[in-house]
PDB file of all heavy atoms in Angstrom:
ATOM      1  N   ILE A   1     -78.360 172.755  -7.168  1.00  0.00           N
ATOM      2  CA  ILE A   1     -78.559 172.541  -5.753  1.00  0.00           C
ATOM      3  C   ILE A   1     -78.946 171.084  -5.490  1.00  0.00           C
ATOM      4  O   ILE A   1     -79.874 170.542  -6.115  1.00  0.00           O
ATOM      5  CB  ILE A   1     -79.659 173.482  -5.205  1.00  0.00           C
ATOM      6  CG1 ILE A   1     -79.220 174.922  -5.332  1.00  0.00           C
ATOM      7  CG2 ILE A   1     -79.998 173.128  -3.753  1.00  0.00           C
ATOM      8  CD1 ILE A   1     -80.283 175.954  -4.983  1.00  0.00           C
ATOM      9  N   VAL A   2     -78.200 170.437  -4.611  1.00  0.00           N
ATOM     10  CA  VAL A   2     -78.503 169.027  -4.249  1.00  0.00           C
ATOM     11  C   VAL A   2     -78.981 168.903  -2.795  1.00  0.00           C
ATOM     12  O   VAL A   2     -79.505 167.863  -2.432  1.00  0.00           O
ATOM     13  CB  VAL A   2     -77.291 168.089  -4.508  1.00  0.00           C
ATOM     14  CG1 VAL A   2     -76.987 167.996  -5.998  1.00  0.00           C
ATOM     15  CG2 VAL A   2     -76.081 168.541  -3.740  1.00  0.00           C
ATOM     16  N   ASP A   3     -78.800 169.939  -1.980  1.00  0.00           N
ATOM     17  CA  ASP A   3     -79.346 169.975  -0.638  1.00  0.00           C
ATOM     18  C   ASP A   3     -79.714 171.440  -0.308  1.00  0.00           C
ATOM     19  O   ASP A   3     -78.827 172.268  -0.187  1.00  0.00           O
ATOM     20  CB  ASP A   3     -78.314 169.442   0.388  1.00  0.00           C
ATOM     21  CG  ASP A   3     -78.861 169.357   1.807  1.00  0.00           C
ATOM     22  OD1 ASP A   3     -79.916 169.999   2.109  1.00  0.00           O
ATOM     23  OD2 ASP A   3     -78.232 168.677   2.625  1.00  0.00           O
ATOM     24  N   ALA A   4     -81.022 171.711  -0.233  1.00  0.00           N
ATOM     25  CA  ALA A   4     -81.486 173.078  -0.003  1.00  0.00           C
ATOM     26  C   ALA A   4     -81.399 173.495   1.464  1.00  0.00           C
ATOM     27  O   ALA A   4     -81.538 174.681   1.777  1.00  0.00           O
ATOM     28  CB  ALA A   4     -82.917 173.244  -0.525  1.00  0.00           C
ATOM     29  N   ASN A   5     -81.192 172.536   2.385  1.00  0.00           N
ATOM     30  CA  ASN A   5     -80.867 172.816   3.799  1.00  0.00           C
ATOM     31  C   ASN A   5     -81.851 173.816   4.439  1.00  0.00           C
ATOM     32  O   ASN A   5     -81.448 174.803   5.032  1.00  0.00           O
ATOM     33  CB  ASN A   5     -79.442 173.332   3.926  1.00  0.00           C
ATOM     34  CG  ASN A   5     -78.939 173.336   5.350  1.00  0.00           C
ATOM     35  OD1 ASN A   5     -79.416 172.593   6.178  1.00  0.00           O
ATOM     36  ND2 ASN A   5     -77.987 174.208   5.617  1.00  0.00           N
ATOM     37  N   ASN A   6     -83.128 173.577   4.265  1.00  0.00           N
ATOM     38  CA  ASN A   6     -84.183 174.416   4.880  1.00  0.00           C
ATOM     39  C   ASN A   6     -84.173 175.855   4.419  1.00  0.00           C
ATOM     40  O   ASN A   6     -84.594 176.766   5.126  1.00  0.00           O
ATOM     41  CB  ASN A   6     -84.092 174.373   6.419  1.00  0.00           C
ATOM     42  CG  ASN A   6     -84.276 172.987   6.943  1.00  0.00           C
ATOM     43  OD1 ASN A   6     -85.214 172.241   6.540  1.00  0.00           O
ATOM     44  ND2 ASN A   6     -83.437 172.573   7.871  1.00  0.00           N
ATOM     45  N   SER A   7     -83.638 176.115   3.237  1.00  0.00           N
ATOM     46  CA  SER A   7     -83.647 177.485   2.667  1.00  0.00           C
ATOM     47  C   SER A   7     -84.910 177.644   1.827  1.00  0.00           C
ATOM     48  O   SER A   7     -85.713 176.727   1.711  1.00  0.00           O
ATOM     49  CB  SER A   7     -82.396 177.696   1.794  1.00  0.00           C
ATOM     50  OG  SER A   7     -82.474 176.910   0.619  1.00  0.00           O
ATOM     51  N   ASN A   8     -85.067 178.827   1.246  1.00  0.00           N
ATOM     52  CA  ASN A   8     -86.193 179.064   0.350  1.00  0.00           C
ATOM     53  C   ASN A   8     -85.901 178.569  -1.062  1.00  0.00           C
ATOM     54  O   ASN A   8     -86.688 178.813  -1.981  1.00  0.00           O
ATOM     55  CB  ASN A   8     -86.603 180.541   0.346  1.00  0.00           C
ATOM     56  CG  ASN A   8     -85.470 181.425  -0.156  1.00  0.00           C
ATOM     57  OD1 ASN A   8     -84.325 181.007  -0.264  1.00  0.00           O
ATOM     58  ND2 ASN A   8     -85.806 182.680  -0.425  1.00  0.00           N
ATOM     59  N   LEU A   9     -84.793 177.888  -1.262  1.00  0.00           N
ATOM     60  CA  LEU A   9     -84.415 177.318  -2.559  1.00  0.00           C
ATOM     61  C   LEU A   9     -84.839 175.868  -2.620  1.00  0.00           C
ATOM     62  O   LEU A   9     -85.238 175.286  -1.609  1.00  0.00           O
ATOM     63  CB  LEU A   9     -82.916 177.477  -2.780  1.00  0.00           C
ATOM     64  CG  LEU A   9     -82.437 178.930  -2.772  1.00  0.00           C
ATOM     65  CD1 LEU A   9     -80.922 178.986  -2.703  1.00  0.00           C
ATOM     66  CD2 LEU A   9     -82.945 179.672  -4.003  1.00  0.00           C
ATOM     67  N   SER A  10     -84.715 175.267  -3.830  1.00  0.00           N
ATOM     68  CA  SER A  10     -85.147 173.895  -4.016  1.00  0.00           C
ATOM     69  C   SER A  10     -84.058 173.035  -4.634  1.00  0.00           C
ATOM     70  O   SER A  10     -83.260 173.534  -5.451  1.00  0.00           O
ATOM     71  CB  SER A  10     -86.365 173.854  -4.938  1.00  0.00           C
ATOM     72  OG  SER A  10     -87.402 174.617  -4.419  1.00  0.00           O
ATOM     73  N   VAL A  11     -84.065 171.763  -4.259  1.00  0.00           N
ATOM     74  CA  VAL A  11     -83.167 170.793  -4.901  1.00  0.00           C
ATOM     75  C   VAL A  11     -83.472 170.799  -6.400  1.00  0.00           C
ATOM     76  O   VAL A  11     -84.628 170.833  -6.817  1.00  0.00           O
ATOM     77  CB  VAL A  11     -83.387 169.368  -4.302  1.00  0.00           C
ATOM     78  CG1 VAL A  11     -82.645 168.310  -5.110  1.00  0.00           C
ATOM     79  CG2 VAL A  11     -82.927 169.361  -2.851  1.00  0.00           C
ATOM     80  N   GLY A  12     -82.420 170.792  -7.210  1.00  0.00           N
ATOM     81  CA  GLY A  12     -82.559 170.788  -8.659  1.00  0.00           C
ATOM     82  C   GLY A  12     -82.467 172.137  -9.317  1.00  0.00           C
ATOM     83  O   GLY A  12     -82.328 172.247 -10.521  1.00  0.00           O
ATOM     84  N   GLN A  13     -82.550 173.204  -8.512  1.00  0.00           N
ATOM     85  CA  GLN A  13     -82.430 174.548  -9.112  1.00  0.00           C
ATOM     86  C   GLN A  13     -81.000 174.773  -9.594  1.00  0.00           C
ATOM     87  O   GLN A  13     -80.036 174.371  -8.981  1.00  0.00           O
ATOM     88  CB  GLN A  13     -82.806 175.628  -8.125  1.00  0.00           C
ATOM     89  CG  GLN A  13     -84.278 175.739  -7.900  1.00  0.00           C
ATOM     90  CD  GLN A  13     -84.662 176.903  -6.998  1.00  0.00           C
ATOM     91  OE1 GLN A  13     -84.200 176.953  -5.861  1.00  0.00           O
ATOM     92  NE2 GLN A  13     -85.498 177.804  -7.494  1.00  0.00           N
ATOM     93  N   ARG A  14     -80.904 175.432 -10.757  1.00  0.00           N
ATOM     94  CA  ARG A  14     -79.629 175.744 -11.390  1.00  0.00           C
ATOM     95  C   ARG A  14     -79.203 177.140 -10.915  1.00  0.00           C
ATOM     96  O   ARG A  14     -80.025 178.054 -10.933  1.00  0.00           O
ATOM     97  CB  ARG A  14     -79.790 175.703 -12.891  1.00  0.00           C
ATOM     98  CG  ARG A  14     -80.180 174.326 -13.384  1.00  0.00           C
ATOM     99  CD  ARG A  14     -80.889 174.345 -14.756  1.00  0.00           C
ATOM    100  NE  ARG A  14     -80.365 175.255 -15.716  1.00  0.00           N
ATOM    101  CZ  ARG A  14     -79.413 174.964 -16.630  1.00  0.00           C
ATOM    102  NH1 ARG A  14     -78.966 173.755 -16.728  1.00  0.00           N
ATOM    103  NH2 ARG A  14     -78.995 175.891 -17.455  1.00  0.00           N
ATOM    104  N   VAL A  15     -77.916 177.282 -10.520  1.00  0.00           N
ATOM    105  CA  VAL A  15     -77.475 178.504  -9.912  1.00  0.00           C
ATOM    106  C   VAL A  15     -76.077 178.891 -10.368  1.00  0.00           C
ATOM    107  O   VAL A  15     -75.302 178.051 -10.847  1.00  0.00           O
ATOM    108  CB  VAL A  15     -77.474 178.382  -8.345  1.00  0.00           C
ATOM    109  CG1 VAL A  15     -78.899 178.207  -7.833  1.00  0.00           C
ATOM    110  CG2 VAL A  15     -76.589 177.229  -7.887  1.00  0.00           C
ATOM    111  N   ALA A  16     -75.779 180.184 -10.236  1.00  0.00           N
ATOM    112  CA  ALA A  16     -74.417 180.693 -10.426  1.00  0.00           C
ATOM    113  C   ALA A  16     -74.050 181.405  -9.116  1.00  0.00           C
ATOM    114  O   ALA A  16     -74.920 181.773  -8.325  1.00  0.00           O
ATOM    115  CB  ALA A  16     -74.345 181.646 -11.617  1.00  0.00           C
ATOM    116  N   TYR A  17     -72.724 181.593  -8.957  1.00  0.00           N
ATOM    117  CA  TYR A  17     -72.267 182.070  -7.641  1.00  0.00           C
ATOM    118  C   TYR A  17     -70.948 182.833  -7.798  1.00  0.00           C
ATOM    119  O   TYR A  17     -70.067 182.457  -8.550  1.00  0.00           O
ATOM    120  CB  TYR A  17     -72.072 180.835  -6.752  1.00  0.00           C
ATOM    121  CG  TYR A  17     -71.457 181.130  -5.425  1.00  0.00           C
ATOM    122  CD1 TYR A  17     -72.166 181.837  -4.460  1.00  0.00           C
ATOM    123  CD2 TYR A  17     -70.179 180.694  -5.093  1.00  0.00           C
ATOM    124  CE1 TYR A  17     -71.607 182.091  -3.196  1.00  0.00           C
ATOM    125  CE2 TYR A  17     -69.624 180.949  -3.854  1.00  0.00           C
ATOM    126  CZ  TYR A  17     -70.334 181.646  -2.910  1.00  0.00           C
ATOM    127  OH  TYR A  17     -69.796 181.889  -1.678  1.00  0.00           O
ATOM    128  N   LEU A  18     -70.854 183.898  -7.039  1.00  0.00           N
ATOM    129  CA  LEU A  18     -69.596 184.657  -6.871  1.00  0.00           C
ATOM    130  C   LEU A  18     -69.401 184.768  -5.370  1.00  0.00           C
ATOM    131  O   LEU A  18     -70.253 185.325  -4.669  1.00  0.00           O
ATOM    132  CB  LEU A  18     -69.671 186.045  -7.489  1.00  0.00           C
ATOM    133  CG  LEU A  18     -68.553 187.022  -7.139  1.00  0.00           C
ATOM    134  CD1 LEU A  18     -67.229 186.500  -7.632  1.00  0.00           C
ATOM    135  CD2 LEU A  18     -68.846 188.391  -7.706  1.00  0.00           C
ATOM    136  N   GLY A  19     -68.324 184.231  -4.867  1.00  0.00           N
ATOM    137  CA  GLY A  19     -68.157 184.215  -3.441  1.00  0.00           C
ATOM    138  C   GLY A  19     -66.843 184.803  -2.993  1.00  0.00           C
ATOM    139  O   GLY A  19     -66.052 185.303  -3.768  1.00  0.00           O
ATOM    140  N   PRO A  20     -66.606 184.732  -1.708  1.00  0.00           N
ATOM    141  CA  PRO A  20     -65.358 185.230  -1.151  1.00  0.00           C
ATOM    142  C   PRO A  20     -64.217 184.247  -1.360  1.00  0.00           C
ATOM    143  O   PRO A  20     -64.437 183.130  -1.794  1.00  0.00           O
ATOM    144  CB  PRO A  20     -65.688 185.330   0.333  1.00  0.00           C
ATOM    145  CG  PRO A  20     -66.660 184.214   0.568  1.00  0.00           C
ATOM    146  CD  PRO A  20     -67.502 184.172  -0.706  1.00  0.00           C
ATOM    147  N   ILE A  21     -63.002 184.674  -1.035  1.00  0.00           N
ATOM    148  CA  ILE A  21     -61.895 183.744  -1.007  1.00  0.00           C
ATOM    149  C   ILE A  21     -62.268 182.620  -0.051  1.00  0.00           C
ATOM    150  O   ILE A  21     -62.762 182.860   1.033  1.00  0.00           O
ATOM    151  CB  ILE A  21     -60.606 184.442  -0.523  1.00  0.00           C
ATOM    152  CG1 ILE A  21     -60.212 185.492  -1.549  1.00  0.00           C
ATOM    153  CG2 ILE A  21     -59.479 183.430  -0.326  1.00  0.00           C
ATOM    154  CD1 ILE A  21     -59.107 186.399  -1.095  1.00  0.00           C
ATOM    155  N   GLY A  22     -62.125 181.396  -0.522  1.00  0.00           N
ATOM    156  CA  GLY A  22     -62.528 180.275   0.293  1.00  0.00           C
ATOM    157  C   GLY A  22     -63.844 179.667  -0.143  1.00  0.00           C
ATOM    158  O   GLY A  22     -64.387 178.789   0.495  1.00  0.00           O
ATOM    159  N   ALA A  23     -64.379 180.116  -1.288  1.00  0.00           N
ATOM    160  CA  ALA A  23     -65.636 179.587  -1.800  1.00  0.00           C
ATOM    161  C   ALA A  23     -65.512 178.136  -2.205  1.00  0.00           C
ATOM    162  O   ALA A  23     -66.503 177.421  -2.293  1.00  0.00           O
ATOM    163  CB  ALA A  23     -66.149 180.439  -2.965  1.00  0.00           C
ATOM    164  N   SER A  24     -64.302 177.696  -2.477  1.00  0.00           N
ATOM    165  CA  SER A  24     -64.000 176.278  -2.736  1.00  0.00           C
ATOM    166  C   SER A  24     -64.778 175.705  -3.917  1.00  0.00           C
ATOM    167  O   SER A  24     -65.381 174.622  -3.821  1.00  0.00           O
ATOM    168  CB  SER A  24     -64.243 175.430  -1.481  1.00  0.00           C
ATOM    169  OG  SER A  24     -63.441 175.883  -0.420  1.00  0.00           O
ATOM    170  N   MET A  25     -64.743 176.356  -5.025  1.00  0.00           N
ATOM    171  CA  MET A  25     -65.487 175.895  -6.202  1.00  0.00           C
ATOM    172  C   MET A  25     -64.781 174.779  -6.990  1.00  0.00           C
ATOM    173  O   MET A  25     -65.381 174.123  -7.772  1.00  0.00           O
ATOM    174  CB  MET A  25     -65.759 177.074  -7.155  1.00  0.00           C
ATOM    175  CG  MET A  25     -66.689 178.108  -6.571  1.00  0.00           C
ATOM    176  SD  MET A  25     -68.325 177.493  -6.147  1.00  0.00           S
ATOM    177  CE  MET A  25     -68.982 177.100  -7.744  1.00  0.00           C
ATOM    178  N   TYR A  26     -63.472 174.579  -6.770  1.00  0.00           N
ATOM    179  CA  TYR A  26     -62.756 173.541  -7.485  1.00  0.00           C
ATOM    180  C   TYR A  26     -62.960 172.171  -6.864  1.00  0.00           C
ATOM    181  O   TYR A  26     -62.031 171.481  -6.497  1.00  0.00           O
ATOM    182  CB  TYR A  26     -61.270 173.858  -7.560  1.00  0.00           C
ATOM    183  CG  TYR A  26     -60.842 175.063  -8.360  1.00  0.00           C
ATOM    184  CD1 TYR A  26     -61.790 175.939  -8.899  1.00  0.00           C
ATOM    185  CD2 TYR A  26     -59.510 175.337  -8.573  1.00  0.00           C
ATOM    186  CE1 TYR A  26     -61.381 177.075  -9.594  1.00  0.00           C
ATOM    187  CE2 TYR A  26     -59.119 176.457  -9.284  1.00  0.00           C
ATOM    188  CZ  TYR A  26     -60.037 177.291  -9.802  1.00  0.00           C
ATOM    189  OH  TYR A  26     -59.668 178.399 -10.501  1.00  0.00           O
ATOM    190  N   ALA A  27     -64.193 171.815  -6.738  1.00  0.00           N
ATOM    191  CA  ALA A  27     -64.588 170.546  -6.103  1.00  0.00           C
ATOM    192  C   ALA A  27     -65.880 170.066  -6.704  1.00  0.00           C
ATOM    193  O   ALA A  27     -66.579 170.813  -7.392  1.00  0.00           O
ATOM    194  CB  ALA A  27     -64.728 170.739  -4.601  1.00  0.00           C
TER     195      ALA A  27
END
């Protein structure tokens, strides 16, 4: 995470993700 955007998460946290079509991970 590089921008937590006022969420309960923090910059620097390591994460994994499964999203919908359009998650745009190839970037």
